[in-house]
PDB file of N, CA and C in Angstrom:
ATOM      1  N   MET A   1      99.924 -23.584   4.902  1.00  0.00           N
ATOM      2  CA  MET A   1      99.273 -23.573   3.533  1.00  0.00           C
ATOM      3  C   MET A   1      97.900 -23.301   3.594  1.00  0.00           C
ATOM      4  N   ASP A   2      97.515 -22.478   2.686  1.00  0.00           N
ATOM      5  CA  ASP A   2      95.942 -22.185   2.844  1.00  0.00           C
ATOM      6  C   ASP A   2      95.203 -22.754   1.747  1.00  0.00           C
ATOM      7  N   ALA A   3      95.543 -23.736   0.961  1.00  0.00           N
ATOM      8  CA  ALA A   3      94.718 -24.504   0.052  1.00  0.00           C
ATOM      9  C   ALA A   3      95.207 -25.971   0.003  1.00  0.00           C
ATOM     10  N   ALA A   4      94.426 -26.825   0.120  1.00  0.00           N
ATOM     11  CA  ALA A   4      94.810 -28.304  -0.055  1.00  0.00           C
ATOM     12  C   ALA A   4      93.847 -28.828  -1.112  1.00  0.00           C
ATOM     13  N   PRO A   5      94.455 -29.341  -2.135  1.00  0.00           N
ATOM     14  CA  PRO A   5      93.601 -29.915  -3.223  1.00  0.00           C
ATOM     15  C   PRO A   5      92.861 -31.261  -2.797  1.00  0.00           C
ATOM     16  N   ALA A   6      91.809 -31.484  -3.491  1.00  0.00           N
ATOM     17  CA  ALA A   6      91.217 -32.788  -3.347  1.00  0.00           C
ATOM     18  C   ALA A   6      90.498 -33.150  -4.724  1.00  0.00           C
ATOM     19  N   ALA A   7      89.807 -34.255  -4.695  1.00  0.00           N
ATOM     20  CA  ALA A   7      89.205 -34.605  -5.910  1.00  0.00           C
ATOM     21  C   ALA A   7      88.050 -33.682  -6.516  1.00  0.00           C
ATOM     22  N   ALA A   8      87.958 -33.623  -7.728  1.00  0.00           N
ATOM     23  CA  ALA A   8      86.885 -32.819  -8.287  1.00  0.00           C
ATOM     24  C   ALA A   8      85.619 -33.737  -8.425  1.00  0.00           C
ATOM     25  N   SER A   9      84.466 -33.244  -8.228  1.00  0.00           N
ATOM     26  CA  SER A   9      83.311 -33.974  -8.464  1.00  0.00           C
ATOM     27  C   SER A   9      82.726 -34.069  -9.845  1.00  0.00           C
ATOM     28  N   ASP A  10      81.773 -34.893 -10.183  1.00  0.00           N
ATOM     29  CA  ASP A  10      81.249 -34.946 -11.551  1.00  0.00           C
ATOM     30  C   ASP A  10      80.427 -33.588 -11.844  1.00  0.00           C
ATOM     31  N   ARG A  11      80.207 -32.745 -10.909  1.00  0.00           N
ATOM     32  CA  ARG A  11      79.339 -31.643 -11.180  1.00  0.00           C
ATOM     33  C   ARG A  11      80.106 -30.381 -11.390  1.00  0.00           C
ATOM     34  N   GLY A  12      81.565 -30.509 -11.591  1.00  0.00           N
ATOM     35  CA  GLY A  12      82.326 -29.339 -11.727  1.00  0.00           C
ATOM     36  C   GLY A  12      82.779 -28.676 -10.390  1.00  0.00           C
ATOM     37  N   ARG A  13      82.570 -29.216  -9.294  1.00  0.00           N
ATOM     38  CA  ARG A  13      82.827 -28.571  -7.967  1.00  0.00           C
ATOM     39  C   ARG A  13      84.012 -29.156  -7.331  1.00  0.00           C
ATOM     40  N   ASP A  14      85.012 -28.477  -7.063  1.00  0.00           N
ATOM     41  CA  ASP A  14      86.201 -28.919  -6.440  1.00  0.00           C
ATOM     42  C   ASP A  14      86.123 -28.734  -4.919  1.00  0.00           C
ATOM     43  N   SER A  15      86.529 -29.793  -4.207  1.00  0.00           N
ATOM     44  CA  SER A  15      86.641 -29.667  -2.785  1.00  0.00           C
ATOM     45  C   SER A  15      88.022 -29.128  -2.473  1.00  0.00           C
ATOM     46  N   LEU A  16      88.107 -28.220  -1.394  1.00  0.00           N
ATOM     47  CA  LEU A  16      89.350 -27.594  -1.170  1.00  0.00           C
ATOM     48  C   LEU A  16      89.221 -26.880   0.233  1.00  0.00           C
ATOM     49  N   PHE A  17      90.370 -26.464   0.610  1.00  0.00           N
ATOM     50  CA  PHE A  17      90.446 -25.544   1.950  1.00  0.00           C
ATOM     51  C   PHE A  17      91.140 -24.336   1.540  1.00  0.00           C
ATOM     52  N   LEU A  18      90.497 -23.277   1.508  1.00  0.00           N
ATOM     53  CA  LEU A  18      90.966 -21.932   1.122  1.00  0.00           C
ATOM     54  C   LEU A  18      90.537 -20.827   2.013  1.00  0.00           C
ATOM     55  N   LEU A  19      91.459 -19.983   2.559  1.00  0.00           N
ATOM     56  CA  LEU A  19      91.046 -18.960   3.377  1.00  0.00           C
ATOM     57  C   LEU A  19      90.723 -17.799   2.500  1.00  0.00           C
ATOM     58  N   ALA A  20      89.616 -17.016   2.789  1.00  0.00           N
ATOM     59  CA  ALA A  20      89.169 -15.955   2.011  1.00  0.00           C
ATOM     60  C   ALA A  20      88.605 -14.837   2.996  1.00  0.00           C
ATOM     61  N   ARG A  21      88.323 -13.640   2.356  1.00  0.00           N
ATOM     62  CA  ARG A  21      87.741 -12.639   3.103  1.00  0.00           C
ATOM     63  C   ARG A  21      86.290 -12.290   2.436  1.00  0.00           C
ATOM     64  N   LEU A  22      85.313 -12.081   3.429  1.00  0.00           N
ATOM     65  CA  LEU A  22      84.013 -11.864   3.101  1.00  0.00           C
ATOM     66  C   LEU A  22      83.440 -10.371   3.421  1.00  0.00           C
ATOM     67  N   ARG A  23      82.875  -9.671   2.525  1.00  0.00           N
ATOM     68  CA  ARG A  23      82.188  -8.562   2.861  1.00  0.00           C
ATOM     69  C   ARG A  23      80.668  -8.606   2.673  1.00  0.00           C
ATOM     70  N   ILE A  24      79.879  -8.204   3.622  1.00  0.00           N
ATOM     71  CA  ILE A  24      78.493  -8.398   3.567  1.00  0.00           C
ATOM     72  C   ILE A  24      77.870  -6.921   3.352  1.00  0.00           C
ATOM     73  N   ALA A  25      77.047  -6.727   2.305  1.00  0.00           N
ATOM     74  CA  ALA A  25      76.578  -5.363   1.979  1.00  0.00           C
ATOM     75  C   ALA A  25      75.799  -4.842   3.281  1.00  0.00           C
ATOM     76  N   GLY A  26      76.112  -3.668   3.633  1.00  0.00           N
ATOM     77  CA  GLY A  26      75.503  -2.903   4.718  1.00  0.00           C
ATOM     78  C   GLY A  26      76.507  -3.066   6.042  1.00  0.00           C
ATOM     79  N   PHE A  27      77.476  -3.755   6.037  1.00  0.00           N
ATOM     80  CA  PHE A  27      78.433  -4.002   7.169  1.00  0.00           C
ATOM     81  C   PHE A  27      79.674  -3.451   6.786  1.00  0.00           C
ATOM     82  N   ASP A  28      80.461  -2.887   7.796  1.00  0.00           N
ATOM     83  CA  ASP A  28      81.844  -2.378   7.604  1.00  0.00           C
ATOM     84  C   ASP A  28      82.831  -3.460   7.812  1.00  0.00           C
ATOM     85  N   GLU A  29      82.490  -4.412   8.571  1.00  0.00           N
ATOM     86  CA  GLU A  29      83.476  -5.351   9.012  1.00  0.00           C
ATOM     87  C   GLU A  29      83.692  -6.514   7.882  1.00  0.00           C
ATOM     88  N   GLU A  30      85.026  -6.912   7.791  1.00  0.00           N
ATOM     89  CA  GLU A  30      85.216  -8.108   6.858  1.00  0.00           C
ATOM     90  C   GLU A  30      85.354  -9.281   7.623  1.00  0.00           C
ATOM     91  N   LEU A  31      84.836 -10.438   7.229  1.00  0.00           N
ATOM     92  CA  LEU A  31      84.933 -11.593   7.920  1.00  0.00           C
ATOM     93  C   LEU A  31      86.026 -12.522   7.161  1.00  0.00           C
ATOM     94  N   SER A  32      86.695 -13.379   8.089  1.00  0.00           N
ATOM     95  CA  SER A  32      87.510 -14.323   7.548  1.00  0.00           C
ATOM     96  C   SER A  32      86.607 -15.627   7.456  1.00  0.00           C
ATOM     97  N   VAL A  33      86.709 -16.384   6.207  1.00  0.00           N
ATOM     98  CA  VAL A  33      86.010 -17.618   6.139  1.00  0.00           C
ATOM     99  C   VAL A  33      86.764 -18.479   5.452  1.00  0.00           C
ATOM    100  N   ARG A  34      86.379 -19.839   5.532  1.00  0.00           N
ATOM    101  CA  ARG A  34      87.027 -21.008   5.064  1.00  0.00           C
ATOM    102  C   ARG A  34      86.162 -21.514   3.914  1.00  0.00           C
ATOM    103  N   VAL A  35      86.813 -21.505   2.600  1.00  0.00           N
ATOM    104  CA  VAL A  35      85.930 -22.007   1.550  1.00  0.00           C
ATOM    105  C   VAL A  35      86.287 -23.462   1.460  1.00  0.00           C
ATOM    106  N   ARG A  36      85.143 -24.305   1.358  1.00  0.00           N
ATOM    107  CA  ARG A  36      85.295 -25.740   1.363  1.00  0.00           C
ATOM    108  C   ARG A  36      85.017 -26.376  -0.061  1.00  0.00           C
ATOM    109  N   ASN A  37      84.402 -25.709  -0.954  1.00  0.00           N
ATOM    110  CA  ASN A  37      84.184 -26.094  -2.364  1.00  0.00           C
ATOM    111  C   ASN A  37      83.993 -24.862  -3.132  1.00  0.00           C
ATOM    112  N   LEU A  38      84.439 -25.100  -4.568  1.00  0.00           N
ATOM    113  CA  LEU A  38      84.492 -23.903  -5.439  1.00  0.00           C
ATOM    114  C   LEU A  38      84.040 -24.477  -6.783  1.00  0.00           C
ATOM    115  N   SER A  39      83.109 -23.790  -7.575  1.00  0.00           N
ATOM    116  CA  SER A  39      82.869 -23.978  -8.865  1.00  0.00           C
ATOM    117  C   SER A  39      82.712 -22.650  -9.655  1.00  0.00           C
ATOM    118  N   ALA A  40      82.568 -22.879 -10.990  1.00  0.00           N
ATOM    119  CA  ALA A  40      82.350 -21.714 -11.677  1.00  0.00           C
ATOM    120  C   ALA A  40      81.316 -20.652 -11.233  1.00  0.00           C
ATOM    121  N   GLY A  41      80.163 -21.256 -10.714  1.00  0.00           N
ATOM    122  CA  GLY A  41      79.035 -20.669 -10.371  1.00  0.00           C
ATOM    123  C   GLY A  41      79.020 -20.240  -8.968  1.00  0.00           C
ATOM    124  N   GLY A  42      79.747 -20.704  -7.953  1.00  0.00           N
ATOM    125  CA  GLY A  42      79.627 -20.274  -6.682  1.00  0.00           C
ATOM    126  C   GLY A  42      80.626 -21.171  -5.753  1.00  0.00           C
ATOM    127  N   LEU A  43      80.364 -21.017  -4.525  1.00  0.00           N
ATOM    128  CA  LEU A  43      81.156 -21.747  -3.442  1.00  0.00           C
ATOM    129  C   LEU A  43      80.442 -22.106  -2.189  1.00  0.00           C
ATOM    130  N   MET A  44      80.925 -22.851  -1.401  1.00  0.00           N
ATOM    131  CA  MET A  44      80.459 -23.242  -0.106  1.00  0.00           C
ATOM    132  C   MET A  44      81.535 -22.820   1.008  1.00  0.00           C
ATOM    133  N   ALA A  45      81.152 -22.060   2.033  1.00  0.00           N
ATOM    134  CA  ALA A  45      82.104 -21.482   2.921  1.00  0.00           C
ATOM    135  C   ALA A  45      81.685 -21.750   4.320  1.00  0.00           C
ATOM    136  N   GLU A  46      82.668 -21.776   5.192  1.00  0.00           N
ATOM    137  CA  GLU A  46      82.215 -21.945   6.717  1.00  0.00           C
ATOM    138  C   GLU A  46      82.255 -20.449   7.029  1.00  0.00           C
ATOM    139  N   LEU A  47      81.270 -19.992   7.879  1.00  0.00           N
ATOM    140  CA  LEU A  47      81.072 -18.710   8.307  1.00  0.00           C
ATOM    141  C   LEU A  47      81.337 -18.616   9.902  1.00  0.00           C
ATOM    142  N   PRO A  48      81.874 -17.662  10.348  1.00  0.00           N
ATOM    143  CA  PRO A  48      82.022 -17.399  11.831  1.00  0.00           C
ATOM    144  C   PRO A  48      80.753 -16.939  12.523  1.00  0.00           C
ATOM    145  N   GLU A  49      79.688 -16.543  11.647  1.00  0.00           N
ATOM    146  CA  GLU A  49      78.357 -15.949  12.157  1.00  0.00           C
ATOM    147  C   GLU A  49      77.233 -16.106  10.988  1.00  0.00           C
ATOM    148  N   PRO A  50      76.012 -16.297  11.300  1.00  0.00           N
ATOM    149  CA  PRO A  50      75.041 -16.401  10.263  1.00  0.00           C
ATOM    150  C   PRO A  50      74.821 -15.076   9.300  1.00  0.00           C
ATOM    151  N   VAL A  51      74.665 -15.517   8.051  1.00  0.00           N
ATOM    152  CA  VAL A  51      74.315 -14.450   7.113  1.00  0.00           C
ATOM    153  C   VAL A  51      73.024 -14.691   6.514  1.00  0.00           C
ATOM    154  N   GLU A  52      72.212 -13.765   6.299  1.00  0.00           N
ATOM    155  CA  GLU A  52      70.902 -13.858   5.732  1.00  0.00           C
ATOM    156  C   GLU A  52      70.932 -14.392   4.309  1.00  0.00           C
ATOM    157  N   PRO A  53      70.006 -15.371   4.108  1.00  0.00           N
ATOM    158  CA  PRO A  53      69.938 -15.714   2.701  1.00  0.00           C
ATOM    159  C   PRO A  53      69.537 -14.520   1.756  1.00  0.00           C
ATOM    160  N   ASP A  54      70.170 -14.587   0.526  1.00  0.00           N
ATOM    161  CA  ASP A  54      69.913 -13.496  -0.531  1.00  0.00           C
ATOM    162  C   ASP A  54      70.648 -12.192  -0.169  1.00  0.00           C
ATOM    163  N   ALA A  55      71.544 -12.153   0.847  1.00  0.00           N
ATOM    164  CA  ALA A  55      72.403 -10.970   1.173  1.00  0.00           C
ATOM    165  C   ALA A  55      73.409 -10.835   0.067  1.00  0.00           C
ATOM    166  N   ALA A  56      73.678  -9.544  -0.344  1.00  0.00           N
ATOM    167  CA  ALA A  56      74.656  -9.369  -1.397  1.00  0.00           C
ATOM    168  C   ALA A  56      76.061  -9.369  -0.597  1.00  0.00           C
ATOM    169  N   VAL A  57      76.982  -9.933  -1.272  1.00  0.00           N
ATOM    170  CA  VAL A  57      78.381 -10.106  -0.535  1.00  0.00           C
ATOM    171  C   VAL A  57      79.319  -9.938  -1.660  1.00  0.00           C
ATOM    172  N   GLN A  58      80.667  -9.852  -1.170  1.00  0.00           N
ATOM    173  CA  GLN A  58      81.752  -9.994  -2.071  1.00  0.00           C
ATOM    174  C   GLN A  58      82.843 -10.815  -1.280  1.00  0.00           C
ATOM    175  N   ILE A  59      83.503 -11.539  -2.088  1.00  0.00           N
ATOM    176  CA  ILE A  59      84.488 -12.486  -1.427  1.00  0.00           C
ATOM    177  C   ILE A  59      85.747 -12.419  -2.224  1.00  0.00           C
ATOM    178  N   GLU A  60      86.853 -12.279  -1.617  1.00  0.00           N
ATOM    179  CA  GLU A  60      88.161 -12.192  -2.078  1.00  0.00           C
ATOM    180  C   GLU A  60      88.882 -13.592  -2.090  1.00  0.00           C
ATOM    181  N   LEU A  61      89.137 -14.099  -3.139  1.00  0.00           N
ATOM    182  CA  LEU A  61      89.683 -15.469  -3.460  1.00  0.00           C
ATOM    183  C   LEU A  61      91.037 -15.274  -4.020  1.00  0.00           C
ATOM    184  N   ARG A  62      91.962 -16.006  -3.536  1.00  0.00           N
ATOM    185  CA  ARG A  62      93.322 -15.985  -4.136  1.00  0.00           C
ATOM    186  C   ARG A  62      93.244 -16.412  -5.577  1.00  0.00           C
ATOM    187  N   GLY A  63      93.956 -15.586  -6.282  1.00  0.00           N
ATOM    188  CA  GLY A  63      93.956 -15.930  -7.815  1.00  0.00           C
ATOM    189  C   GLY A  63      92.664 -15.353  -8.629  1.00  0.00           C
ATOM    190  N   LEU A  64      91.751 -15.014  -7.895  1.00  0.00           N
ATOM    191  CA  LEU A  64      90.545 -14.491  -8.497  1.00  0.00           C
ATOM    192  C   LEU A  64      90.208 -12.971  -8.140  1.00  0.00           C
ATOM    193  N   GLY A  65      90.673 -12.592  -7.066  1.00  0.00           N
ATOM    194  CA  GLY A  65      90.282 -11.334  -6.463  1.00  0.00           C
ATOM    195  C   GLY A  65      88.969 -11.197  -5.803  1.00  0.00           C
ATOM    196  N   TRP A  66      88.461  -9.962  -5.769  1.00  0.00           N
ATOM    197  CA  TRP A  66      87.191  -9.866  -5.214  1.00  0.00           C
ATOM    198  C   TRP A  66      85.916 -10.113  -6.337  1.00  0.00           C
ATOM    199  N   GLN A  67      85.031 -11.049  -5.796  1.00  0.00           N
ATOM    200  CA  GLN A  67      83.957 -11.460  -6.620  1.00  0.00           C
ATOM    201  C   GLN A  67      82.748 -11.178  -5.841  1.00  0.00           C
ATOM    202  N   SER A  68      81.693 -10.579  -6.597  1.00  0.00           N
ATOM    203  CA  SER A  68      80.417 -10.303  -6.000  1.00  0.00           C
ATOM    204  C   SER A  68      79.467 -11.499  -6.247  1.00  0.00           C
ATOM    205  N   GLY A  69      78.430 -11.492  -5.287  1.00  0.00           N
ATOM    206  CA  GLY A  69      77.422 -12.644  -5.413  1.00  0.00           C
ATOM    207  C   GLY A  69      76.391 -12.495  -4.371  1.00  0.00           C
ATOM    208  N   ARG A  70      75.586 -13.527  -4.044  1.00  0.00           N
ATOM    209  CA  ARG A  70      74.523 -13.480  -3.046  1.00  0.00           C
ATOM    210  C   ARG A  70      74.632 -14.776  -2.439  1.00  0.00           C
ATOM    211  N   VAL A  71      74.181 -14.735  -1.043  1.00  0.00           N
ATOM    212  CA  VAL A  71      73.980 -15.977  -0.259  1.00  0.00           C
ATOM    213  C   VAL A  71      72.849 -16.712  -0.809  1.00  0.00           C
ATOM    214  N   ALA A  72      73.093 -18.035  -1.279  1.00  0.00           N
ATOM    215  CA  ALA A  72      71.860 -18.728  -1.861  1.00  0.00           C
ATOM    216  C   ALA A  72      71.392 -19.473  -0.621  1.00  0.00           C
ATOM    217  N   TRP A  73      72.097 -20.010   0.212  1.00  0.00           N
ATOM    218  CA  TRP A  73      71.504 -20.722   1.466  1.00  0.00           C
ATOM    219  C   TRP A  73      72.530 -20.471   2.591  1.00  0.00           C
ATOM    220  N   GLN A  74      72.106 -20.821   3.867  1.00  0.00           N
ATOM    221  CA  GLN A  74      72.845 -20.679   5.061  1.00  0.00           C
ATOM    222  C   GLN A  74      72.315 -21.701   5.991  1.00  0.00           C
ATOM    223  N   THR A  75      73.175 -22.462   6.667  1.00  0.00           N
ATOM    224  CA  THR A  75      72.760 -23.425   7.631  1.00  0.00           C
ATOM    225  C   THR A  75      73.961 -23.984   8.415  1.00  0.00           C
ATOM    226  N   GLU A  76      73.800 -24.032   9.740  1.00  0.00           N
ATOM    227  CA  GLU A  76      74.807 -24.709  10.702  1.00  0.00           C
ATOM    228  C   GLU A  76      76.324 -24.261  10.387  1.00  0.00           C
ATOM    229  N   GLY A  77      76.409 -22.919  10.196  1.00  0.00           N
ATOM    230  CA  GLY A  77      77.751 -22.296  10.119  1.00  0.00           C
ATOM    231  C   GLY A  77      78.409 -22.563   8.647  1.00  0.00           C
ATOM    232  N   ARG A  78      77.550 -22.773   7.801  1.00  0.00           N
ATOM    233  CA  ARG A  78      77.980 -22.812   6.366  1.00  0.00           C
ATOM    234  C   ARG A  78      76.989 -22.105   5.465  1.00  0.00           C
ATOM    235  N   ALA A  79      77.611 -21.707   4.382  1.00  0.00           N
ATOM    236  CA  ALA A  79      76.749 -20.813   3.454  1.00  0.00           C
ATOM    237  C   ALA A  79      77.090 -21.094   2.030  1.00  0.00           C
ATOM    238  N   GLY A  80      76.048 -21.149   1.165  1.00  0.00           N
ATOM    239  CA  GLY A  80      76.340 -21.200  -0.307  1.00  0.00           C
ATOM    240  C   GLY A  80      76.308 -19.806  -0.866  1.00  0.00           C
ATOM    241  N   ILE A  81      77.278 -19.429  -1.785  1.00  0.00           N
ATOM    242  CA  ILE A  81      77.433 -18.203  -2.331  1.00  0.00           C
ATOM    243  C   ILE A  81      77.384 -18.392  -3.796  1.00  0.00           C
ATOM    244  N   ALA A  82      76.323 -17.894  -4.533  1.00  0.00           N
ATOM    245  CA  ALA A  82      76.294 -17.833  -6.005  1.00  0.00           C
ATOM    246  C   ALA A  82      76.936 -16.617  -6.621  1.00  0.00           C
ATOM    247  N   PHE A  83      77.860 -16.865  -7.419  1.00  0.00           N
ATOM    248  CA  PHE A  83      78.556 -15.709  -7.952  1.00  0.00           C
ATOM    249  C   PHE A  83      77.667 -14.890  -8.931  1.00  0.00           C
ATOM    250  N   ASP A  84      77.895 -13.666  -9.136  1.00  0.00           N
ATOM    251  CA  ASP A  84      77.093 -12.904 -10.096  1.00  0.00           C
ATOM    252  C   ASP A  84      77.562 -13.113 -11.492  1.00  0.00           C
ATOM    253  N   ARG A  85      78.872 -13.485 -11.638  1.00  0.00           N
ATOM    254  CA  ARG A  85      79.516 -13.969 -12.951  1.00  0.00           C
ATOM    255  C   ARG A  85      80.374 -15.269 -12.813  1.00  0.00           C
ATOM    256  N   PRO A  86      80.354 -16.020 -13.656  1.00  0.00           N
ATOM    257  CA  PRO A  86      81.126 -17.302 -13.585  1.00  0.00           C
ATOM    258  C   PRO A  86      82.716 -16.914 -13.432  1.00  0.00           C
ATOM    259  N   VAL A  87      83.382 -17.765 -12.675  1.00  0.00           N
ATOM    260  CA  VAL A  87      84.851 -17.587 -12.442  1.00  0.00           C
ATOM    261  C   VAL A  87      85.462 -18.837 -12.864  1.00  0.00           C
ATOM    262  N   ASP A  88      86.837 -18.720 -13.006  1.00  0.00           N
ATOM    263  CA  ASP A  88      87.643 -19.969 -13.306  1.00  0.00           C
ATOM    264  C   ASP A  88      88.166 -20.588 -12.015  1.00  0.00           C
ATOM    265  N   PRO A  89      87.623 -21.622 -11.554  1.00  0.00           N
ATOM    266  CA  PRO A  89      88.080 -22.165 -10.305  1.00  0.00           C
ATOM    267  C   PRO A  89      89.445 -22.615 -10.140  1.00  0.00           C
ATOM    268  N   GLN A  90      90.105 -22.950 -11.393  1.00  0.00           N
ATOM    269  CA  GLN A  90      91.438 -23.369 -11.309  1.00  0.00           C
ATOM    270  C   GLN A  90      92.345 -22.241 -11.073  1.00  0.00           C
ATOM    271  N   ARG A  91      91.961 -20.993 -11.244  1.00  0.00           N
ATOM    272  CA  ARG A  91      92.906 -19.842 -10.991  1.00  0.00           C
ATOM    273  C   ARG A  91      93.107 -19.807  -9.401  1.00  0.00           C
ATOM    274  N   ALA A  92      92.112 -20.241  -8.616  1.00  0.00           N
ATOM    275  CA  ALA A  92      92.202 -20.127  -7.218  1.00  0.00           C
ATOM    276  C   ALA A  92      93.239 -21.277  -6.578  1.00  0.00           C
ATOM    277  N   ARG A  93      93.402 -22.312  -7.419  1.00  0.00           N
ATOM    278  CA  ARG A  93      94.323 -23.478  -6.989  1.00  0.00           C
ATOM    279  C   ARG A  93      95.682 -23.261  -7.345  1.00  0.00           C
ATOM    280  N   LYS A  94      96.037 -22.343  -8.159  1.00  0.00           N
ATOM    281  CA  LYS A  94      97.537 -22.052  -8.437  1.00  0.00           C
ATOM    282  C   LYS A  94      98.279 -21.698  -7.282  1.00  0.00           C
ATOM    283  N   PRO A  95      99.368 -22.135  -7.065  1.00  0.00           N
ATOM    284  CA  PRO A  95     100.153 -21.847  -5.958  1.00  0.00           C
ATOM    285  C   PRO A  95     100.552 -20.224  -5.998  1.00  0.00           C
ATOM    286  N   VAL A  96     100.639 -19.650  -4.836  1.00  0.00           N
ATOM    287  CA  VAL A  96     100.935 -18.236  -4.725  1.00  0.00           C
ATOM    288  C   VAL A  96     102.444 -18.067  -5.312  1.00  0.00           C
ATOM    289  N   GLY A  97     102.552 -17.101  -6.389  1.00  0.00           N
ATOM    290  CA  GLY A  97     103.919 -16.845  -6.910  1.00  0.00           C
ATOM    291  C   GLY A  97     104.136 -17.780  -8.009  1.00  0.00           C
ATOM    292  N   ALA A  98     102.986 -18.547  -8.531  1.00  0.00           N
ATOM    293  CA  ALA A  98     103.319 -19.453  -9.705  1.00  0.00           C
ATOM    294  C   ALA A  98     103.368 -18.556 -11.039  1.00  0.00           C
ATOM    295  N   ARG A  99     104.153 -19.072 -11.906  1.00  0.00           N
ATOM    296  CA  ARG A  99     104.458 -18.323 -13.088  1.00  0.00           C
ATOM    297  C   ARG A  99     103.234 -18.921 -13.984  1.00  0.00           C
ATOM    298  N   THR A 100     102.604 -17.758 -14.753  1.00  0.00           N
ATOM    299  CA  THR A 100     101.664 -18.098 -15.878  1.00  0.00           C
ATOM    300  C   THR A 100     102.455 -18.232 -17.043  1.00  0.00           C
ATOM    301  N   GLY A 101     101.685 -18.716 -18.098  1.00  0.00           N
ATOM    302  CA  GLY A 101     102.436 -19.027 -19.348  1.00  0.00           C
ATOM    303  C   GLY A 101     102.999 -17.827 -20.156  1.00  0.00           C
ATOM    304  N   ASP A 102     102.353 -16.594 -19.816  1.00  0.00           N
ATOM    305  CA  ASP A 102     102.768 -15.394 -20.628  1.00  0.00           C
ATOM    306  C   ASP A 102     103.834 -14.673 -19.830  1.00  0.00           C
ATOM    307  N   GLN A 103     104.450 -15.063 -18.649  1.00  0.00           N
ATOM    308  CA  GLN A 103     105.456 -14.423 -17.984  1.00  0.00           C
ATOM    309  C   GLN A 103     106.780 -15.037 -18.280  1.00  0.00           C
ATOM    310  N   ALA A 104     107.840 -14.265 -18.550  1.00  0.00           N
ATOM    311  CA  ALA A 104     109.088 -14.807 -18.838  1.00  0.00           C
ATOM    312  C   ALA A 104     109.665 -15.309 -17.461  1.00  0.00           C
ATOM    313  N   PRO A 105     110.572 -16.334 -17.407  1.00  0.00           N
ATOM    314  CA  PRO A 105     111.170 -16.902 -16.293  1.00  0.00           C
ATOM    315  C   PRO A 105     112.200 -15.804 -15.666  1.00  0.00           C
ATOM    316  N   HIS A 106     112.272 -15.898 -14.334  1.00  0.00           N
ATOM    317  CA  HIS A 106     113.100 -14.828 -13.635  1.00  0.00           C
ATOM    318  C   HIS A 106     114.610 -15.219 -14.031  1.00  0.00           C
ATOM    319  N   GLN A 107     115.300 -14.142 -14.280  1.00  0.00           N
ATOM    320  CA  GLN A 107     116.810 -14.384 -14.653  1.00  0.00           C
ATOM    321  C   GLN A 107     117.660 -14.150 -13.311  1.00  0.00           C
ATOM    322  N   PRO A 108     118.675 -14.981 -13.077  1.00  0.00           N
ATOM    323  CA  PRO A 108     119.382 -14.850 -11.823  1.00  0.00           C
ATOM    324  C   PRO A 108     120.115 -13.422 -11.892  1.00  0.00           C
ATOM    325  N   LEU A 109     120.172 -12.892 -10.747  1.00  0.00           N
ATOM    326  CA  LEU A 109     120.951 -11.517 -10.714  1.00  0.00           C
ATOM    327  C   LEU A 109     122.595 -11.688 -10.856  1.00  0.00           C
ATOM    328  N   ARG A 110     123.074 -10.968 -11.509  1.00  0.00           N
ATOM    329  CA  ARG A 110     124.450 -11.031 -11.680  1.00  0.00           C
ATOM    330  C   ARG A 110     125.284  -9.890 -11.081  1.00  0.00           C
ATOM    331  N   PHE A 111     126.167 -10.183 -10.195  1.00  0.00           N
ATOM    332  CA  PHE A 111     126.829  -8.922  -9.510  1.00  0.00           C
ATOM    333  C   PHE A 111     128.282  -8.872 -10.042  1.00  0.00           C
ATOM    334  N   PRO A 112     128.869  -7.740 -10.376  1.00  0.00           N
ATOM    335  CA  PRO A 112     130.043  -7.574 -10.923  1.00  0.00           C
ATOM    336  C   PRO A 112     131.324  -8.149  -9.890  1.00  0.00           C
ATOM    337  N   GLY A 113     132.228  -8.692 -10.481  1.00  0.00           N
ATOM    338  CA  GLY A 113     133.439  -9.121  -9.768  1.00  0.00           C
ATOM    339  C   GLY A 113     133.521 -10.506  -9.738  1.00  0.00           C
TER     340      GLY A 113
END
């Protein structure tokens, strides 16, 4: 399982464990990162290597797709990323394959005979 729910704080930040992919402007390689908390304005992630503060980045989050932002801070293997546009953090919490309200339920297949 790549996401584990936890309690939400009073600042609108949810603690969680979510795997994501990170692209850093000017580098070809994507990094695998662990997102530890997520809010509408940004996130905190564990990084395998340091990233310069104010670096432009893109991060792919389940349920949200690729989001652009900037590294706000970085210390001891963790970094804060501020999104360029607010996101709905609850979309990242939905289980993979979960049905949204506008989708019809799947009908069972019927075979002749």
